[in-house]
Every structure is written in C-alpha cells, then in structure tokens.
Protein backbone atom coordinates (compact mmCIF):
# COMPACT_ATOMS: atom_id res chain seq x y z
CA MET A 1 20.64 25.08 3.85
CA SER A 2 18.86 25.22 0.50
CA LYS A 3 15.81 22.99 0.13
CA VAL A 4 16.91 22.24 -3.43
CA ILE A 5 20.57 21.78 -4.36
CA LEU A 6 22.29 22.01 -7.74
CA GLU A 7 25.65 20.28 -8.07
CA LYS A 8 27.64 20.66 -11.27
CA ASP A 9 29.68 17.66 -12.37
CA GLY A 10 31.26 18.33 -15.75
CA ARG A 11 28.49 18.04 -18.35
CA ILE A 12 25.99 16.69 -15.81
CA GLY A 13 23.92 18.89 -13.48
CA ARG A 14 22.57 17.13 -10.41
CA ILE A 15 19.48 18.63 -8.78
CA PHE A 16 18.47 17.25 -5.37
CA LEU A 17 15.30 17.89 -3.41
CA ASN A 18 16.81 18.52 0.01
CA ARG A 19 14.36 18.21 2.90
CA PRO A 20 15.29 14.66 3.88
CA GLU A 21 13.95 15.07 7.42
CA LYS A 22 10.52 15.77 5.84
CA LEU A 23 10.89 13.18 3.05
CA ASN A 24 11.47 16.13 0.71
CA ALA A 25 7.89 17.31 1.16
CA ILE A 26 6.84 20.44 -0.73
CA ASP A 27 6.42 23.63 1.29
CA ASP A 28 6.17 27.27 0.17
CA ASP A 29 9.89 27.41 -0.67
CA VAL A 30 10.49 24.21 -2.66
CA PRO A 31 8.81 25.18 -5.98
CA ASP A 32 10.81 28.43 -6.22
CA ALA A 33 14.04 26.69 -5.24
CA LEU A 34 13.43 23.95 -7.80
CA GLN A 35 12.80 26.43 -10.60
CA ASP A 36 15.90 28.43 -9.62
CA ALA A 37 18.04 25.29 -9.77
CA VAL A 38 16.64 24.31 -13.18
CA LEU A 39 17.24 27.80 -14.60
CA ASP A 40 20.77 27.82 -13.19
CA ALA A 41 21.52 24.51 -14.90
CA GLU A 42 19.82 25.69 -18.08
CA LYS A 43 22.03 28.78 -18.29
CA ASP A 44 25.27 26.90 -17.67
CA PRO A 45 26.87 26.26 -21.08
CA CYS A 46 28.82 23.31 -19.70
CA ILE A 47 25.81 21.29 -18.57
CA HIS A 48 24.25 19.02 -21.21
CA VAL A 49 21.93 16.90 -19.05
CA ILE A 50 20.25 17.11 -15.64
CA ILE A 51 19.66 14.33 -13.10
CA LEU A 52 16.83 15.04 -10.64
CA ALA A 53 16.74 13.06 -7.40
CA GLY A 54 15.83 13.34 -3.72
CA LYS A 55 18.06 13.23 -0.68
CA GLY A 56 17.35 10.75 2.09
CA LYS A 57 14.83 7.93 2.07
CA ALA A 58 12.56 9.08 -0.77
CA PHE A 59 12.28 11.21 -3.87
CA CYS A 60 9.36 13.31 -2.58
CA GLY A 61 6.46 12.75 -0.20
CA GLY A 62 4.23 15.35 -1.85
CA TYR A 63 2.91 18.50 -0.25
CA ASP A 64 3.74 18.94 3.40
CA LEU A 65 0.34 18.07 4.89
CA ALA A 66 1.67 18.52 8.41
CA ALA A 67 2.17 22.18 7.50
CA TYR A 68 -0.79 22.79 5.21
CA ALA A 69 -3.53 20.58 6.66
CA GLU A 70 -2.84 20.01 10.35
CA GLY A 71 -3.00 23.61 11.56
CA ASP A 72 -6.25 25.44 12.22
CA THR A 73 -5.35 28.66 10.38
CA PRO A 74 -5.94 29.38 6.66
CA ASN A 75 -2.93 29.00 4.35
CA PRO A 76 -2.33 29.04 0.58
CA VAL A 77 -3.44 25.38 0.20
CA TYR A 78 -6.51 25.53 2.45
CA GLN A 79 -8.38 28.78 3.01
CA GLY A 80 -11.34 27.38 4.90
CA GLU A 81 -14.85 28.77 4.46
CA ARG A 82 -13.57 32.04 2.99
CA TRP A 83 -12.08 30.28 -0.02
CA ASP A 84 -11.07 32.65 -2.80
CA PRO A 85 -10.84 30.59 -6.00
CA LEU A 86 -8.63 33.13 -7.77
CA GLU A 87 -6.18 33.40 -4.88
CA ASP A 88 -6.00 29.59 -4.69
CA TYR A 89 -5.56 29.29 -8.45
CA GLN A 90 -2.77 31.86 -8.60
CA PHE A 91 -0.82 30.08 -5.88
CA MET A 92 -1.21 26.59 -7.34
CA TRP A 93 -0.72 27.73 -10.94
CA GLY A 94 2.53 29.31 -9.84
CA ASN A 95 3.65 25.98 -8.38
CA THR A 96 2.53 24.11 -11.50
CA GLN A 97 4.57 26.40 -13.72
CA LYS A 98 7.62 26.07 -11.48
CA PHE A 99 7.40 22.28 -11.69
CA MET A 100 7.03 22.67 -15.45
CA SER A 101 10.42 24.40 -15.60
CA LEU A 102 11.72 20.82 -15.88
CA TRP A 103 9.58 20.27 -18.98
CA ARG A 104 10.49 23.62 -20.55
CA CYS A 105 14.22 23.30 -19.87
CA PRO A 106 15.92 22.65 -23.25
CA LYS A 107 18.25 20.16 -21.59
CA PRO A 108 17.12 16.57 -20.91
CA VAL A 109 16.02 15.89 -17.34
CA LEU A 110 16.41 12.34 -16.00
CA CYS A 111 14.40 11.70 -12.83
CA LYS A 112 15.51 9.02 -10.39
CA ILE A 113 12.80 7.76 -8.02
CA HIS A 114 13.62 5.82 -4.89
CA GLY A 115 11.35 5.33 -1.88
CA PHE A 116 8.30 7.07 -3.28
CA ALA A 117 7.09 9.98 -5.38
CA VAL A 118 3.54 10.73 -4.29
CA GLY A 119 1.10 13.60 -4.53
CA GLY A 120 2.88 16.75 -5.64
CA GLY A 121 6.08 14.72 -5.74
CA SER A 122 4.65 12.75 -8.63
CA ASP A 123 3.79 16.05 -10.33
CA ILE A 124 7.46 17.01 -10.15
CA ALA A 125 8.70 13.64 -11.38
CA LEU A 126 6.26 13.47 -14.29
CA CYS A 127 7.46 16.83 -15.63
CA SER A 128 10.84 15.23 -16.31
CA ASP A 129 11.84 13.77 -19.67
CA MET A 130 12.79 10.25 -18.62
CA ILE A 131 12.00 8.56 -15.31
CA TYR A 132 13.92 5.68 -13.78
CA MET A 133 12.33 4.02 -10.76
CA ALA A 134 13.45 1.47 -8.20
CA ASP A 135 11.41 -1.72 -8.25
CA ASN A 136 10.45 -1.22 -4.60
CA ALA A 137 9.60 2.49 -4.99
CA ARG A 138 6.00 3.74 -5.12
CA ILE A 139 4.36 6.47 -7.18
CA GLY A 140 0.79 7.70 -6.89
CA TYR A 141 -1.58 10.58 -6.26
CA MET A 142 -3.58 9.37 -3.30
CA SER A 143 -5.37 12.67 -2.71
CA THR A 144 -7.47 12.10 -5.83
CA ARG A 145 -9.62 10.14 -3.36
CA VAL A 146 -10.31 13.41 -1.56
CA TRP A 147 -8.49 16.77 -1.35
CA GLY A 148 -6.58 16.85 -4.62
CA CYS A 149 -6.27 16.81 -8.41
CA PRO A 150 -2.79 16.58 -10.03
CA SER A 151 -2.26 20.07 -11.34
CA THR A 152 0.32 19.19 -14.01
CA ALA A 153 -2.09 16.61 -15.53
CA MET A 154 0.91 14.62 -16.74
CA TRP A 155 -0.64 11.26 -15.82
CA VAL A 156 -2.92 11.25 -18.86
CA TYR A 157 -0.18 12.41 -21.22
CA ARG A 158 2.10 9.59 -20.13
CA LEU A 159 -0.51 6.84 -19.69
CA GLY A 160 -3.44 7.61 -21.95
CA ALA A 161 -7.02 7.92 -20.71
CA GLU A 162 -7.82 4.42 -19.47
CA ARG A 163 -4.65 3.80 -17.47
CA ALA A 164 -4.73 7.32 -16.05
CA LYS A 165 -8.28 6.66 -14.86
CA ARG A 166 -7.17 3.38 -13.30
CA VAL A 167 -4.64 5.24 -11.14
CA LEU A 168 -6.49 8.48 -10.42
CA PHE A 169 -9.94 6.99 -9.75
CA THR A 170 -8.43 4.74 -7.07
CA GLY A 171 -5.62 6.89 -5.73
CA ASP A 172 -3.52 3.72 -5.61
CA GLN A 173 0.23 3.76 -5.31
CA ILE A 174 1.97 1.58 -7.90
CA ASP A 175 5.43 0.07 -7.73
CA GLY A 176 8.26 0.36 -10.24
CA PRO A 177 7.52 -2.73 -12.35
CA GLU A 178 3.84 -1.80 -12.73
CA ALA A 179 4.73 1.81 -13.53
CA ALA A 180 7.14 0.66 -16.23
CA ALA A 181 4.66 -1.84 -17.66
CA MET A 182 2.03 0.91 -17.91
CA GLY A 183 4.46 3.26 -19.64
CA LEU A 184 4.45 5.79 -16.80
CA VAL A 185 8.22 5.51 -16.32
CA LEU A 186 10.94 4.51 -18.76
CA LYS A 187 12.48 1.75 -16.67
CA SER A 188 12.22 0.00 -13.31
CA LEU A 189 15.30 -1.57 -11.75
CA PRO A 190 16.47 -3.15 -8.51
CA GLU A 191 17.27 -0.32 -6.12
CA ASP A 192 20.98 -1.18 -6.05
CA ALA A 193 21.15 -0.89 -9.87
CA LEU A 194 19.27 2.42 -10.13
CA ASP A 195 22.20 4.81 -9.82
CA ALA A 196 24.36 3.02 -12.38
CA GLU A 197 21.56 2.93 -14.96
CA VAL A 198 20.81 6.63 -14.63
CA GLU A 199 24.50 7.55 -14.73
CA ALA A 200 24.98 5.50 -17.90
CA MET A 201 22.15 7.33 -19.67
CA ALA A 202 23.36 10.71 -18.41
CA SER A 203 26.86 9.98 -19.72
CA ARG A 204 25.41 8.92 -23.05
CA LEU A 205 23.40 12.13 -23.40
CA ALA A 206 26.30 14.27 -22.22
CA SER A 207 28.18 13.32 -25.42
CA VAL A 208 25.49 14.97 -27.59
CA PRO A 209 25.76 18.70 -28.43
CA ILE A 210 23.40 20.88 -26.36
CA ASN A 211 21.73 22.31 -29.46
CA GLN A 212 20.90 18.85 -30.80
CA LEU A 213 19.34 17.83 -27.49
CA ALA A 214 17.35 21.05 -27.35
CA MET A 215 15.98 20.59 -30.88
CA GLN A 216 14.76 17.06 -30.23
CA LYS A 217 13.13 18.07 -26.94
CA MET A 218 11.48 21.06 -28.60
CA VAL A 219 9.87 18.94 -31.32
CA ILE A 220 8.67 16.20 -28.97
CA ASN A 221 7.31 18.66 -26.40
CA GLN A 222 5.49 20.59 -29.11
CA ALA A 223 3.69 17.44 -30.22
CA VAL A 224 2.37 17.02 -26.66
CA GLU A 225 1.57 20.71 -26.15
CA ALA A 226 -0.36 20.83 -29.42
CA THR A 227 -2.93 18.46 -27.88
CA GLY A 228 -3.88 21.15 -25.37
CA LEU A 229 -1.54 20.56 -22.42
CA ASN A 230 -1.67 24.15 -21.15
CA GLY A 231 -5.47 24.28 -21.10
CA THR A 232 -5.66 20.87 -19.42
CA GLN A 233 -3.28 22.06 -16.73
CA GLN A 234 -5.31 25.20 -16.15
CA LEU A 235 -8.43 23.11 -15.61
CA ALA A 236 -6.58 20.62 -13.40
CA THR A 237 -5.14 23.43 -11.26
CA LEU A 238 -8.57 25.02 -10.83
CA LEU A 239 -10.14 21.68 -9.91
CA ASP A 240 -7.33 21.00 -7.45
CA GLY A 241 -8.37 24.07 -5.50
CA ILE A 242 -12.05 23.15 -5.70
CA SER A 243 -11.31 19.62 -4.44
CA ARG A 244 -9.83 21.01 -1.23
CA HIS A 245 -12.88 23.17 -0.55
CA THR A 246 -15.79 20.82 -1.27
CA PRO A 247 -17.89 19.57 1.67
CA GLU A 248 -15.78 16.39 1.61
CA GLY A 249 -12.61 18.48 1.45
CA HIS A 250 -13.66 20.42 4.54
CA ALA A 251 -14.44 17.10 6.27
CA PHE A 252 -10.98 15.79 5.46
CA LYS A 253 -9.36 18.95 6.83
CA ALA A 254 -11.42 18.70 10.01
CA ARG A 255 -10.41 15.05 10.43
CA VAL A 256 -6.75 16.00 10.05
CA GLU A 257 -7.11 18.66 12.73
CA ASP A 258 -8.95 16.24 15.03
CA LYS A 259 -6.94 13.03 14.55
CA GLY A 260 -3.70 14.18 12.89
CA TRP A 261 -2.74 13.89 9.26
CA LYS A 262 -1.33 10.36 9.52
CA GLN A 263 -4.65 8.87 10.65
CA ALA A 264 -6.72 10.97 8.25
CA VAL A 265 -4.49 10.04 5.31
CA ALA A 266 -4.65 6.35 6.27
CA GLU A 267 -8.45 6.51 6.40
CA ARG A 268 -8.53 8.26 3.03
CA ASP A 269 -6.17 5.84 1.34
CA ASN A 270 -7.74 2.71 2.83
CA GLY A 271 -11.30 3.82 2.13
CA THR A 272 -12.36 3.47 5.76
CA PHE A 273 -14.01 6.88 6.20
CA ASP A 274 -17.11 8.41 4.62
CA TRP A 275 -16.15 12.00 3.83
CA THR A 276 -19.70 12.91 2.83
CA THR A 277 -21.21 12.05 6.23
CA GLY A 278 -18.02 12.62 8.22
CA THR A 279 -18.15 9.21 9.87
CA PRO A 280 -16.00 6.04 9.81
CA LEU A 281 -17.27 3.27 7.56
CA LYS A 282 -18.47 0.10 9.28
CA ASP A 283 -16.84 -3.22 8.44
C-alpha cells in the first residue's frame, strides 16, 4: 500500500499521509511519494484545490526515529563519526525540495492537522498554503533542543523572528489556539468541526478558475521568495545535518541506542538530560 495516497473527488484532490501504524512518520519513501502525489494532482486539469491530511490518529509524527536513530548502523540521517556533510546535505535537501512541492504547486493546498504535526511533519504542514488545526492538536519542532533544525525554515516566514525564536529556542509543542493566535496557522477549531471547515474552504476555492488561483499563488509566493527563502533553506538544511553530528548530537544518538528513542526523546523534550556531559540532570 502506498505511504501517500491521492484521491480525486471532482475539483478537489485529497492527499493523505498513509502510515497510520507509525503515526505517518517520515521514512525514506514518504518524501518521494508525497511529491509524486502533488505532481499528479497538479497535472490533473480537473483538480482546482488540494486537501492534505494524515490517516489515523495524527497528521505526522515527524521523521521515523525508531528507524533512523535507534539502530547502530549509519543511515542517511545519522552517519556516525564518518559524517560526510555533502552526502547528508544532498539527502536532506532532496527531502526539503520534495516537501516544497506543496509550496510550488500552482494549486492551493489546504492542510488539516489533527493529533499532532511535529518535527519533519511540521515542515510538511508549513509548506502548505493554508493550515487548519484542531484545538487539541499539537505542532512543534522538538529536536531544535538537540538533533535538528527545520530544513524548510518556514517557521520564521509564518511567524516572524521573535515568535519563531520563542518556539524554536524551546522546542515546545503548541496547541491549535496558540498556533492560530501567533499566526502560524489560519484557524483553530474544535476537532469535530475541523473537517467541515476545511471542506467549506475547499468548495469555495474549487469554484475559482485554476489559472486565477495559480496567478494569486505565484504573486504571493514570489513576495516571500524575494526575501531569500531559498538561501535560508539551504543554510537550514546544512545546519540540520550539523546538528545531528555535534558532540551533543552523538550523545543523543548514543542515548537512543542505550535507552530507546522514547526515553531519549522524553529526556530531550523535558530538559532532564545534559547532552554535553552525557549525564542526567539532578533535580
């Protein structure tokens, strides 16, 4: 079964992240499958608007740390002591550009977040045009505490410098109402009202000619890109690789191997472990 599904419903294309048993976590296949689905919808002359969502209990749980961090063999996300910055950059830049297929698509993309959109899952969501979020959902990039830097850099473009720093310095997850108040997402709603709100907007956009939608998106995106988006993303992608191969990054990886990713992630997110010394913090 495909890890990303495209369903065509008249003028609406519905793209679903489809690894519900893994909370739609990102593995080697998901970025390619996502881009393929976006390009398929883009080429379909019947589709005017795209809804992006996740199957199961959440939108996306980020990169699959159980696959990339828990094993003791090098992989594209963690190469160990023999880290090749260029190899790392090429892999992550490829993923960044595949996520950005949502941004480049001339058709509007409405993202619907339930459960949570964290880590790389937030990268995917923030490349969309409009985001609707359940009040009880969570969004965040917790690995900015150690082992990550959001490669799409969309946090600063949506929030501005100060609010982006508030989220990325702490690695905190924020709920729907706070995300909406900050301007990170368009709207936060009770979970049982989320589908209806997104469907109403999709239906509204579906009545607009494709060329009109494309022209408006082109102008608005250009205004953002003119501020240096591509260069910022290149730097963010490079720093993402560096963050996984610092002394603290190696310590985090070792902790995952020793205690499992759930405990290591909890210690990272709760601030109960000193990654510089490799020891738990005392109360």
